[in-house]
């Protein structure tokens, strides 16, 4: 089985990310109510595909290709930071 990092990165390959950072935070949430065993992850993705796109639409652009992972319980929670190259490299968006 592929690592979740690889699976997420592959699912988002159409965004042609300039930067992709992945963090598995599942160990921080072990035993929390409602968690049926899926992982808790955090990603940073920097892509020109986010130019002139609202923050909510950026979230959708990332979550929709991962829908199967959410539906099957492989991902329980995903924190997403989706930035344009200008926002990331010029640090104009903390």
N, C-alpha and C. Protein backbone atom coordinates (compact mmCIF):
# COMPACT_ATOMS: atom_id res chain seq x y z
N UNK A 1 0.84 -1.19 0.00
CA UNK A 1 0.00 0.00 0.00
C UNK A 1 0.88 1.25 0.00
N UNK A 2 0.47 2.24 -0.77
CA UNK A 2 1.22 3.49 -0.83
C UNK A 2 1.01 4.28 0.46
N UNK A 3 1.95 5.15 0.75
CA UNK A 3 1.79 6.02 1.91
C UNK A 3 0.69 7.04 1.63
N UNK A 4 0.05 7.51 2.69
CA UNK A 4 -1.01 8.51 2.52
C UNK A 4 -0.45 9.77 1.88
N UNK A 5 0.76 10.13 2.22
CA UNK A 5 1.38 11.30 1.60
C UNK A 5 1.43 11.13 0.09
N UNK A 6 1.87 9.98 -0.36
CA UNK A 6 1.96 9.73 -1.80
C UNK A 6 0.58 9.72 -2.44
N UNK A 7 -0.39 9.10 -1.78
CA UNK A 7 -1.75 9.04 -2.32
C UNK A 7 -2.35 10.44 -2.47
N UNK A 8 -2.17 11.28 -1.47
CA UNK A 8 -2.70 12.65 -1.54
C UNK A 8 -1.99 13.43 -2.63
N UNK A 9 -0.68 13.33 -2.66
CA UNK A 9 0.08 14.07 -3.66
C UNK A 9 -0.31 13.62 -5.07
N UNK A 10 -0.51 12.34 -5.26
CA UNK A 10 -0.92 11.82 -6.57
C UNK A 10 -2.31 12.33 -6.95
N UNK A 11 -3.23 12.32 -5.99
CA UNK A 11 -4.59 12.79 -6.25
C UNK A 11 -4.64 14.27 -6.61
N UNK A 12 -3.63 15.02 -6.15
CA UNK A 12 -3.60 16.46 -6.40
C UNK A 12 -2.60 16.84 -7.49
N UNK A 13 -2.08 15.86 -8.20
CA UNK A 13 -1.04 16.14 -9.20
C UNK A 13 -1.52 17.08 -10.31
N UNK A 14 -2.82 17.09 -10.57
CA UNK A 14 -3.36 17.98 -11.61
C UNK A 14 -3.18 19.46 -11.25
N UNK A 15 -2.90 19.77 -9.99
CA UNK A 15 -2.70 21.16 -9.57
C UNK A 15 -1.27 21.63 -9.84
N UNK A 16 -0.39 20.73 -10.26
CA UNK A 16 1.00 21.07 -10.58
C UNK A 16 1.64 21.92 -9.49
N UNK A 17 1.67 21.38 -8.30
CA UNK A 17 2.17 22.12 -7.13
C UNK A 17 3.64 22.50 -7.27
N UNK A 18 3.93 23.75 -6.91
CA UNK A 18 5.31 24.21 -6.79
C UNK A 18 5.90 23.74 -5.47
N UNK A 19 5.04 23.65 -4.46
CA UNK A 19 5.44 23.19 -3.13
C UNK A 19 4.33 22.28 -2.62
N UNK A 20 4.72 21.14 -2.06
CA UNK A 20 3.77 20.25 -1.40
C UNK A 20 4.44 19.77 -0.12
N UNK A 21 3.82 20.09 1.01
CA UNK A 21 4.33 19.63 2.31
C UNK A 21 3.21 18.87 3.00
N UNK A 22 3.58 17.77 3.61
CA UNK A 22 2.62 16.87 4.23
C UNK A 22 3.04 16.58 5.67
N UNK A 23 2.06 16.54 6.55
CA UNK A 23 2.34 16.19 7.94
C UNK A 23 1.24 15.27 8.44
N UNK A 24 1.62 14.16 9.04
CA UNK A 24 0.68 13.22 9.64
C UNK A 24 0.57 13.57 11.12
N UNK A 25 -0.60 14.05 11.53
CA UNK A 25 -0.83 14.45 12.91
C UNK A 25 -1.77 13.48 13.63
N UNK A 26 -1.91 12.29 13.08
CA UNK A 26 -2.84 11.31 13.64
C UNK A 26 -2.55 11.00 15.10
N UNK A 27 -1.28 10.91 15.46
CA UNK A 27 -0.92 10.57 16.84
C UNK A 27 -1.41 11.61 17.85
N UNK A 28 -1.65 12.83 17.39
CA UNK A 28 -2.13 13.89 18.28
C UNK A 28 -3.62 13.74 18.59
N UNK A 29 -4.31 12.90 17.81
CA UNK A 29 -5.77 12.79 17.92
C UNK A 29 -6.23 11.40 18.32
N UNK A 30 -5.32 10.54 18.71
CA UNK A 30 -5.67 9.17 19.10
C UNK A 30 -6.68 9.20 20.24
N UNK A 31 -7.77 8.46 20.06
CA UNK A 31 -8.77 8.35 21.10
C UNK A 31 -9.81 9.45 21.13
N UNK A 32 -9.75 10.41 20.23
CA UNK A 32 -10.75 11.48 20.21
C UNK A 32 -12.11 10.92 19.82
N UNK A 33 -13.15 11.45 20.43
CA UNK A 33 -14.52 11.01 20.14
C UNK A 33 -14.85 11.26 18.67
N UNK A 34 -15.51 10.30 18.08
CA UNK A 34 -15.96 10.46 16.69
C UNK A 34 -14.96 9.98 15.66
N UNK A 35 -13.72 9.81 16.03
CA UNK A 35 -12.72 9.35 15.07
C UNK A 35 -12.85 7.84 14.90
N UNK A 36 -13.19 7.43 13.69
CA UNK A 36 -13.38 6.01 13.41
C UNK A 36 -12.11 5.36 12.89
N UNK A 37 -10.97 6.01 13.07
CA UNK A 37 -9.71 5.40 12.69
C UNK A 37 -9.00 6.07 11.54
N UNK A 38 -9.66 6.97 10.85
CA UNK A 38 -9.01 7.67 9.75
C UNK A 38 -7.92 8.60 10.26
N UNK A 39 -7.01 8.95 9.38
CA UNK A 39 -5.90 9.79 9.76
C UNK A 39 -6.22 11.27 9.80
N UNK A 40 -5.42 11.99 10.55
CA UNK A 40 -5.48 13.45 10.64
C UNK A 40 -4.21 13.97 9.97
N UNK A 41 -4.39 14.77 8.93
CA UNK A 41 -3.25 15.23 8.15
C UNK A 41 -3.31 16.74 7.95
N UNK A 42 -2.16 17.29 7.65
CA UNK A 42 -2.03 18.72 7.36
C UNK A 42 -1.19 18.83 6.09
N UNK A 43 -1.67 19.65 5.14
CA UNK A 43 -0.89 19.86 3.92
C UNK A 43 -0.77 21.35 3.61
N UNK A 44 0.34 21.65 2.99
CA UNK A 44 0.57 22.96 2.38
C UNK A 44 0.74 22.66 0.90
N UNK A 45 -0.03 23.34 0.08
CA UNK A 45 0.10 23.18 -1.36
C UNK A 45 0.15 24.56 -2.00
N UNK A 46 1.16 24.77 -2.81
CA UNK A 46 1.37 26.05 -3.50
C UNK A 46 1.24 25.77 -4.98
N UNK A 47 0.31 26.46 -5.61
CA UNK A 47 0.03 26.19 -7.02
C UNK A 47 -0.50 27.43 -7.73
N UNK A 48 -0.07 27.59 -8.97
CA UNK A 48 -0.60 28.66 -9.81
C UNK A 48 -2.08 28.46 -10.11
N UNK A 49 -2.59 27.24 -9.93
CA UNK A 49 -4.01 26.97 -10.15
C UNK A 49 -4.90 27.74 -9.18
N UNK A 50 -4.33 28.25 -8.09
CA UNK A 50 -5.10 28.99 -7.10
C UNK A 50 -5.18 30.49 -7.39
N UNK A 51 -4.51 30.95 -8.45
CA UNK A 51 -4.55 32.37 -8.82
C UNK A 51 -6.00 32.80 -9.05
N UNK A 52 -6.38 33.92 -8.45
CA UNK A 52 -7.72 34.50 -8.61
C UNK A 52 -8.84 33.55 -8.20
N UNK A 53 -8.57 32.69 -7.24
CA UNK A 53 -9.55 31.73 -6.73
C UNK A 53 -9.74 32.01 -5.24
N UNK A 54 -11.00 32.06 -4.80
CA UNK A 54 -11.29 32.33 -3.39
C UNK A 54 -10.75 31.20 -2.50
N UNK A 55 -10.59 31.51 -1.24
CA UNK A 55 -10.09 30.51 -0.30
C UNK A 55 -11.00 29.30 -0.22
N UNK A 56 -12.31 29.52 -0.22
CA UNK A 56 -13.24 28.39 -0.13
C UNK A 56 -13.15 27.51 -1.37
N UNK A 57 -12.97 28.11 -2.53
CA UNK A 57 -12.84 27.32 -3.75
C UNK A 57 -11.51 26.56 -3.77
N UNK A 58 -10.48 27.14 -3.21
CA UNK A 58 -9.19 26.44 -3.11
C UNK A 58 -9.35 25.19 -2.27
N UNK A 59 -10.08 25.31 -1.15
CA UNK A 59 -10.33 24.16 -0.29
C UNK A 59 -11.07 23.07 -1.07
N UNK A 60 -12.05 23.48 -1.84
CA UNK A 60 -12.82 22.51 -2.64
C UNK A 60 -11.94 21.86 -3.70
N UNK A 61 -11.06 22.64 -4.30
CA UNK A 61 -10.17 22.11 -5.33
C UNK A 61 -9.26 21.02 -4.76
N UNK A 62 -8.94 21.13 -3.49
CA UNK A 62 -8.09 20.14 -2.83
C UNK A 62 -8.93 18.97 -2.32
N UNK A 63 -10.07 19.24 -1.71
CA UNK A 63 -10.85 18.18 -1.09
C UNK A 63 -11.58 17.28 -2.08
N UNK A 64 -12.09 17.84 -3.18
CA UNK A 64 -12.88 17.03 -4.11
C UNK A 64 -12.12 15.84 -4.69
N UNK A 65 -10.85 15.99 -5.10
CA UNK A 65 -10.14 14.82 -5.60
C UNK A 65 -9.84 13.77 -4.53
N UNK A 66 -10.03 14.14 -3.26
CA UNK A 66 -9.77 13.23 -2.14
C UNK A 66 -11.06 12.66 -1.55
N UNK A 67 -12.18 12.89 -2.21
CA UNK A 67 -13.48 12.51 -1.68
C UNK A 67 -13.55 11.03 -1.29
N UNK A 68 -13.00 10.17 -2.11
CA UNK A 68 -13.01 8.74 -1.81
C UNK A 68 -12.29 8.44 -0.51
N UNK A 69 -11.20 9.14 -0.26
CA UNK A 69 -10.44 8.93 0.98
C UNK A 69 -11.25 9.33 2.21
N UNK A 70 -12.06 10.39 2.07
CA UNK A 70 -12.92 10.81 3.17
C UNK A 70 -14.07 9.82 3.35
N UNK A 71 -14.70 9.43 2.24
CA UNK A 71 -15.86 8.53 2.29
C UNK A 71 -15.53 7.16 2.83
N UNK A 72 -14.33 6.68 2.55
CA UNK A 72 -13.92 5.35 3.03
C UNK A 72 -13.30 5.41 4.42
N UNK A 73 -13.16 6.60 4.98
CA UNK A 73 -12.62 6.75 6.32
C UNK A 73 -11.11 6.74 6.41
N UNK A 74 -10.43 6.78 5.28
CA UNK A 74 -8.96 6.80 5.31
C UNK A 74 -8.45 8.14 5.81
N UNK A 75 -9.19 9.21 5.48
CA UNK A 75 -8.88 10.54 6.00
C UNK A 75 -10.04 10.96 6.89
N UNK A 76 -9.74 11.25 8.13
CA UNK A 76 -10.76 11.76 9.04
C UNK A 76 -10.76 13.28 9.03
N UNK A 77 -9.57 13.87 9.02
CA UNK A 77 -9.45 15.33 9.04
C UNK A 77 -8.25 15.74 8.19
N UNK A 78 -8.42 16.86 7.47
CA UNK A 78 -7.35 17.37 6.63
C UNK A 78 -7.31 18.89 6.76
N UNK A 79 -6.23 19.40 7.32
CA UNK A 79 -6.02 20.84 7.39
C UNK A 79 -5.29 21.25 6.12
N UNK A 80 -5.84 22.22 5.43
CA UNK A 80 -5.32 22.60 4.11
C UNK A 80 -4.89 24.06 4.12
N UNK A 81 -3.68 24.30 3.68
CA UNK A 81 -3.19 25.65 3.41
C UNK A 81 -2.87 25.68 1.93
N UNK A 82 -3.69 26.37 1.16
CA UNK A 82 -3.58 26.41 -0.30
C UNK A 82 -3.24 27.84 -0.72
N UNK A 83 -2.03 28.02 -1.24
CA UNK A 83 -1.53 29.35 -1.58
C UNK A 83 -1.09 29.43 -3.04
N UNK A 84 -1.09 30.65 -3.56
CA UNK A 84 -0.49 30.89 -4.87
C UNK A 84 1.02 31.01 -4.68
N UNK A 85 1.79 30.86 -5.75
CA UNK A 85 3.23 31.04 -5.61
C UNK A 85 3.59 32.42 -5.06
N UNK A 86 2.89 33.46 -5.52
CA UNK A 86 3.17 34.81 -5.03
C UNK A 86 2.92 34.92 -3.53
N UNK A 87 1.81 34.36 -3.07
CA UNK A 87 1.50 34.41 -1.64
C UNK A 87 2.55 33.66 -0.82
N UNK A 88 3.02 32.54 -1.32
CA UNK A 88 3.98 31.73 -0.58
C UNK A 88 5.38 32.32 -0.63
N UNK A 89 5.86 32.59 -1.83
CA UNK A 89 7.24 33.00 -1.98
C UNK A 89 7.50 34.45 -1.54
N UNK A 90 6.46 35.28 -1.59
CA UNK A 90 6.59 36.65 -1.14
C UNK A 90 6.06 36.82 0.28
N UNK A 91 5.57 35.74 0.85
CA UNK A 91 5.08 35.73 2.25
C UNK A 91 4.07 36.83 2.52
N UNK A 92 3.24 37.15 1.51
CA UNK A 92 2.23 38.19 1.71
C UNK A 92 0.97 37.65 2.39
N UNK A 93 0.93 36.33 2.62
CA UNK A 93 -0.22 35.72 3.28
C UNK A 93 0.27 34.78 4.37
N UNK A 94 0.28 35.23 5.62
CA UNK A 94 0.82 34.40 6.71
C UNK A 94 0.05 33.12 6.91
